[in-house]
């Protein structure tokens, strides 16, 4: 395995949610398939990141599978919620595939909280590079109550 993703380690954010003890298959830099990091943003309610897609993420020849893109966008939205202290899970996500994403390249990620209404947190995310948005999502996330957190053994 070789590190293919490049980022400023001074801006690196560790995984903001407890998750499973075995980790997350879409967040980390120890895979030849997919590498993802979260990065601090100076914008309010925004979290940034980077993703590198390997050839094993292929859907259409030479391009990233839509399901892989959706998983990355879901991860970015959920991580954004947790980073801003909302212990959330996805209730509904909507993904828009704008342009096919060539694999074996690094792309940027952005997650942003757009609205909070009691236990409902609305979050959006994008996969982009320079001025090109390849895929974007909107999600409704629900803040877990204390009983739900206890059942999941989350402190």
C-alpha atoms as a PDB file:
ATOM      1  CA  UNK A   1       0.000   0.000   0.000  1.00  0.00           C
ATOM      2  CA  UNK A   2       1.277   3.430  -0.812  1.00  0.00           C
ATOM      3  CA  UNK A   3      -0.023   6.805   0.279  1.00  0.00           C
ATOM      4  CA  UNK A   4      -1.504   8.489  -2.780  1.00  0.00           C
ATOM      5  CA  UNK A   5      -3.475  11.269  -1.117  1.00  0.00           C
ATOM      6  CA  UNK A   6      -1.794  14.612  -0.458  1.00  0.00           C
ATOM      7  CA  UNK A   7      -2.860  17.122   2.197  1.00  0.00           C
ATOM      8  CA  UNK A   8      -1.578  19.613   4.757  1.00  0.00           C
ATOM      9  CA  UNK A   9      -1.170  17.523   7.909  1.00  0.00           C
ATOM     10  CA  UNK A  10      -1.514  20.690  10.041  1.00  0.00           C
ATOM     11  CA  UNK A  11      -5.155  20.927   8.941  1.00  0.00           C
ATOM     12  CA  UNK A  12      -5.958  17.217   9.383  1.00  0.00           C
ATOM     13  CA  UNK A  13      -8.998  16.340  11.504  1.00  0.00           C
ATOM     14  CA  UNK A  14      -9.285  12.884  13.077  1.00  0.00           C
ATOM     15  CA  UNK A  15     -12.492  10.936  12.499  1.00  0.00           C
ATOM     16  CA  UNK A  16     -15.105  12.984  14.413  1.00  0.00           C
ATOM     17  CA  UNK A  17     -17.409  10.107  15.354  1.00  0.00           C
ATOM     18  CA  UNK A  18     -16.726   6.937  17.348  1.00  0.00           C
ATOM     19  CA  UNK A  19     -17.973   4.476  14.716  1.00  0.00           C
ATOM     20  CA  UNK A  20     -17.131   0.817  14.832  1.00  0.00           C
ATOM     21  CA  UNK A  21     -13.903  -0.258  16.527  1.00  0.00           C
ATOM     22  CA  UNK A  22     -12.718  -1.658  13.195  1.00  0.00           C
ATOM     23  CA  UNK A  23     -12.953   1.779  11.552  1.00  0.00           C
ATOM     24  CA  UNK A  24     -14.668   3.086   8.463  1.00  0.00           C
ATOM     25  CA  UNK A  25     -14.145   1.681   4.993  1.00  0.00           C
ATOM     26  CA  UNK A  26     -14.382   5.141   3.432  1.00  0.00           C
ATOM     27  CA  UNK A  27     -12.290   7.242   5.827  1.00  0.00           C
ATOM     28  CA  UNK A  28      -8.537   6.731   6.059  1.00  0.00           C
ATOM     29  CA  UNK A  29      -5.282   6.620   4.158  1.00  0.00           C
ATOM     30  CA  UNK A  30      -4.360   2.937   4.498  1.00  0.00           C
ATOM     31  CA  UNK A  31      -5.925   1.534   1.341  1.00  0.00           C
ATOM     32  CA  UNK A  32      -4.906   1.125  -2.285  1.00  0.00           C
ATOM     33  CA  UNK A  33      -8.607   1.308  -3.198  1.00  0.00           C
ATOM     34  CA  UNK A  34      -9.711   4.602  -1.670  1.00  0.00           C
ATOM     35  CA  UNK A  35      -8.047   7.217   0.536  1.00  0.00           C
ATOM     36  CA  UNK A  36      -9.929   9.989   2.326  1.00  0.00           C
ATOM     37  CA  UNK A  37      -9.005  12.678   4.870  1.00  0.00           C
ATOM     38  CA  UNK A  38     -10.937  15.433   6.629  1.00  0.00           C
ATOM     39  CA  UNK A  39      -9.508  18.951   6.705  1.00  0.00           C
ATOM     40  CA  UNK A  40     -10.348  22.058   8.753  1.00  0.00           C
ATOM     41  CA  UNK A  41     -12.185  24.901   7.043  1.00  0.00           C
ATOM     42  CA  UNK A  42     -12.210  28.581   7.960  1.00  0.00           C
ATOM     43  CA  UNK A  43     -15.861  28.831   6.888  1.00  0.00           C
ATOM     44  CA  UNK A  44     -18.589  28.502   9.537  1.00  0.00           C
ATOM     45  CA  UNK A  45     -20.454  25.144   9.552  1.00  0.00           C
ATOM     46  CA  UNK A  46     -18.172  23.751   6.822  1.00  0.00           C
ATOM     47  CA  UNK A  47     -15.798  20.802   6.807  1.00  0.00           C
ATOM     48  CA  UNK A  48     -13.380  20.081   3.966  1.00  0.00           C
ATOM     49  CA  UNK A  49     -11.627  16.948   2.814  1.00  0.00           C
ATOM     50  CA  UNK A  50      -9.770  15.180   0.063  1.00  0.00           C
ATOM     51  CA  UNK A  51     -10.382  11.842  -1.598  1.00  0.00           C
ATOM     52  CA  UNK A  52      -8.229   9.723  -3.895  1.00  0.00           C
ATOM     53  CA  UNK A  53     -10.059   7.038  -5.880  1.00  0.00           C
ATOM     54  CA  UNK A  54      -8.098   3.970  -6.984  1.00  0.00           C
ATOM     55  CA  UNK A  55      -8.936   1.813 -10.001  1.00  0.00           C
ATOM     56  CA  UNK A  56     -10.822  -0.688  -7.821  1.00  0.00           C
ATOM     57  CA  UNK A  57     -13.534   1.980  -7.351  1.00  0.00           C
ATOM     58  CA  UNK A  58     -14.423   1.629 -11.032  1.00  0.00           C
ATOM     59  CA  UNK A  59     -17.961   1.620 -12.344  1.00  0.00           C
ATOM     60  CA  UNK A  60     -17.935   2.797 -15.961  1.00  0.00           C
ATOM     61  CA  UNK A  61     -14.543   2.067 -17.571  1.00  0.00           C
ATOM     62  CA  UNK A  62     -11.937   4.511 -16.251  1.00  0.00           C
ATOM     63  CA  UNK A  63     -14.383   6.206 -13.871  1.00  0.00           C
ATOM     64  CA  UNK A  64     -15.591   5.941 -10.260  1.00  0.00           C
ATOM     65  CA  UNK A  65     -18.695   3.870  -9.459  1.00  0.00           C
ATOM     66  CA  UNK A  66     -21.725   5.934  -8.424  1.00  0.00           C
ATOM     67  CA  UNK A  67     -22.179   3.877  -5.266  1.00  0.00           C
ATOM     68  CA  UNK A  68     -18.647   4.728  -4.207  1.00  0.00           C
ATOM     69  CA  UNK A  69     -19.341   8.421  -4.818  1.00  0.00           C
ATOM     70  CA  UNK A  70     -22.555   8.184  -2.774  1.00  0.00           C
ATOM     71  CA  UNK A  71     -20.681   6.521   0.108  1.00  0.00           C
ATOM     72  CA  UNK A  72     -18.076   9.305   0.121  1.00  0.00           C
ATOM     73  CA  UNK A  73     -20.757  12.006   0.082  1.00  0.00           C
ATOM     74  CA  UNK A  74     -22.659  10.263   2.907  1.00  0.00           C
ATOM     75  CA  UNK A  75     -19.423  10.020   4.906  1.00  0.00           C
ATOM     76  CA  UNK A  76     -18.698  13.702   4.324  1.00  0.00           C
ATOM     77  CA  UNK A  77     -22.173  14.775   5.417  1.00  0.00           C
ATOM     78  CA  UNK A  78     -22.175  12.586   8.530  1.00  0.00           C
ATOM     79  CA  UNK A  79     -18.647  13.643   9.471  1.00  0.00           C
ATOM     80  CA  UNK A  80     -19.674  17.282   9.080  1.00  0.00           C
ATOM     81  CA  UNK A  81     -22.551  16.780  11.493  1.00  0.00           C
ATOM     82  CA  UNK A  82     -20.379  15.022  14.073  1.00  0.00           C
ATOM     83  CA  UNK A  83     -17.525  17.509  13.705  1.00  0.00           C
ATOM     84  CA  UNK A  84     -19.922  20.278  14.684  1.00  0.00           C
ATOM     85  CA  UNK A  85     -21.093  18.273  17.746  1.00  0.00           C
ATOM     86  CA  UNK A  86     -24.340  16.918  16.298  1.00  0.00           C
ATOM     87  CA  UNK A  87     -24.390  13.158  16.947  1.00  0.00           C
ATOM     88  CA  UNK A  88     -26.316  12.220  13.843  1.00  0.00           C
ATOM     89  CA  UNK A  89     -27.262   9.356  11.572  1.00  0.00           C
ATOM     90  CA  UNK A  90     -28.609   9.653   8.045  1.00  0.00           C
ATOM     91  CA  UNK A  91     -32.371   9.524   7.569  1.00  0.00           C
ATOM     92  CA  UNK A  92     -32.412  10.424   3.876  1.00  0.00           C
ATOM     93  CA  UNK A  93     -29.745  11.276   1.346  1.00  0.00           C
ATOM     94  CA  UNK A  94     -30.120  12.483  -2.217  1.00  0.00           C
ATOM     95  CA  UNK A  95     -27.179  12.271  -4.642  1.00  0.00           C
ATOM     96  CA  UNK A  96     -26.771  14.084  -7.933  1.00  0.00           C
ATOM     97  CA  UNK A  97     -24.117  12.766 -10.335  1.00  0.00           C
ATOM     98  CA  UNK A  98     -23.091  15.726 -12.475  1.00  0.00           C
ATOM     99  CA  UNK A  99     -19.996  14.488 -14.316  1.00  0.00           C
ATOM    100  CA  UNK A 100     -18.250  11.140 -14.362  1.00  0.00           C
ATOM    101  CA  UNK A 101     -15.190  11.082 -12.100  1.00  0.00           C
ATOM    102  CA  UNK A 102     -11.979   9.637 -13.576  1.00  0.00           C
ATOM    103  CA  UNK A 103     -10.233   7.354 -11.066  1.00  0.00           C
ATOM    104  CA  UNK A 104      -6.550   7.371 -10.014  1.00  0.00           C
ATOM    105  CA  UNK A 105      -6.865  11.071  -9.130  1.00  0.00           C
ATOM    106  CA  UNK A 106      -7.403  13.206  -6.036  1.00  0.00           C
ATOM    107  CA  UNK A 107     -10.492  15.376  -5.573  1.00  0.00           C
ATOM    108  CA  UNK A 108     -11.698  17.843  -2.966  1.00  0.00           C
ATOM    109  CA  UNK A 109     -14.653  17.426  -0.615  1.00  0.00           C
ATOM    110  CA  UNK A 110     -16.885  19.939   1.087  1.00  0.00           C
ATOM    111  CA  UNK A 111     -19.580  19.342   3.699  1.00  0.00           C
ATOM    112  CA  UNK A 112     -21.806  22.124   5.000  1.00  0.00           C
ATOM    113  CA  UNK A 113     -24.626  22.289   7.531  1.00  0.00           C
ATOM    114  CA  UNK A 114     -27.423  24.293   5.936  1.00  0.00           C
ATOM    115  CA  UNK A 115     -30.205  24.109   8.544  1.00  0.00           C
ATOM    116  CA  UNK A 116     -30.906  22.793  12.024  1.00  0.00           C
ATOM    117  CA  UNK A 117     -34.496  22.235  13.193  1.00  0.00           C
ATOM    118  CA  UNK A 118     -34.665  20.601  16.632  1.00  0.00           C
ATOM    119  CA  UNK A 119     -33.270  17.070  16.014  1.00  0.00           C
ATOM    120  CA  UNK A 120     -33.147  17.468  12.214  1.00  0.00           C
ATOM    121  CA  UNK A 121     -29.846  18.563  10.674  1.00  0.00           C
ATOM    122  CA  UNK A 122     -29.709  19.328   6.946  1.00  0.00           C
ATOM    123  CA  UNK A 123     -26.278  18.835   5.406  1.00  0.00           C
ATOM    124  CA  UNK A 124     -24.916  19.141   1.867  1.00  0.00           C
ATOM    125  CA  UNK A 125     -21.693  17.785   0.370  1.00  0.00           C
ATOM    126  CA  UNK A 126     -19.740  17.974  -2.878  1.00  0.00           C
ATOM    127  CA  UNK A 127     -16.962  16.149  -4.683  1.00  0.00           C
ATOM    128  CA  UNK A 128     -15.153  18.744  -6.786  1.00  0.00           C
ATOM    129  CA  UNK A 129     -11.844  19.788  -8.302  1.00  0.00           C
ATOM    130  CA  UNK A 130     -11.029  23.400  -9.084  1.00  0.00           C
ATOM    131  CA  UNK A 131     -14.275  24.850 -10.495  1.00  0.00           C
ATOM    132  CA  UNK A 132     -15.797  21.510 -11.525  1.00  0.00           C
ATOM    133  CA  UNK A 133     -18.418  19.837  -9.300  1.00  0.00           C
ATOM    134  CA  UNK A 134     -18.569  16.115 -10.111  1.00  0.00           C
ATOM    135  CA  UNK A 135     -21.208  14.998  -7.609  1.00  0.00           C
ATOM    136  CA  UNK A 136     -23.221  16.587  -4.832  1.00  0.00           C
ATOM    137  CA  UNK A 137     -25.655  15.514  -2.172  1.00  0.00           C
ATOM    138  CA  UNK A 138     -28.252  16.747   0.272  1.00  0.00           C
ATOM    139  CA  UNK A 139     -29.104  14.864   3.399  1.00  0.00           C
ATOM    140  CA  UNK A 140     -31.463  14.862   6.325  1.00  0.00           C
ATOM    141  CA  UNK A 141     -29.681  13.685   9.452  1.00  0.00           C
ATOM    142  CA  UNK A 142     -31.292  13.003  12.823  1.00  0.00           C
ATOM    143  CA  UNK A 143     -29.584  13.789  16.116  1.00  0.00           C
ATOM    144  CA  UNK A 144     -29.525  10.642  18.221  1.00  0.00           C
ATOM    145  CA  UNK A 145     -31.101  10.933  21.660  1.00  0.00           C
ATOM    146  CA  UNK A 146     -29.371   9.715  24.824  1.00  0.00           C
ATOM    147  CA  UNK A 147     -31.132   6.329  24.771  1.00  0.00           C
ATOM    148  CA  UNK A 148     -30.105   5.713  21.147  1.00  0.00           C
ATOM    149  CA  UNK A 149     -26.514   6.716  21.916  1.00  0.00           C
ATOM    150  CA  UNK A 150     -26.496   4.394  24.940  1.00  0.00           C
ATOM    151  CA  UNK A 151     -27.716   1.450  22.814  1.00  0.00           C
ATOM    152  CA  UNK A 152     -24.860   2.144  20.409  1.00  0.00           C
ATOM    153  CA  UNK A 153     -22.429   2.439  23.334  1.00  0.00           C
ATOM    154  CA  UNK A 154     -21.522   5.999  22.262  1.00  0.00           C
ATOM    155  CA  UNK A 155     -20.420   8.330  25.022  1.00  0.00           C
END
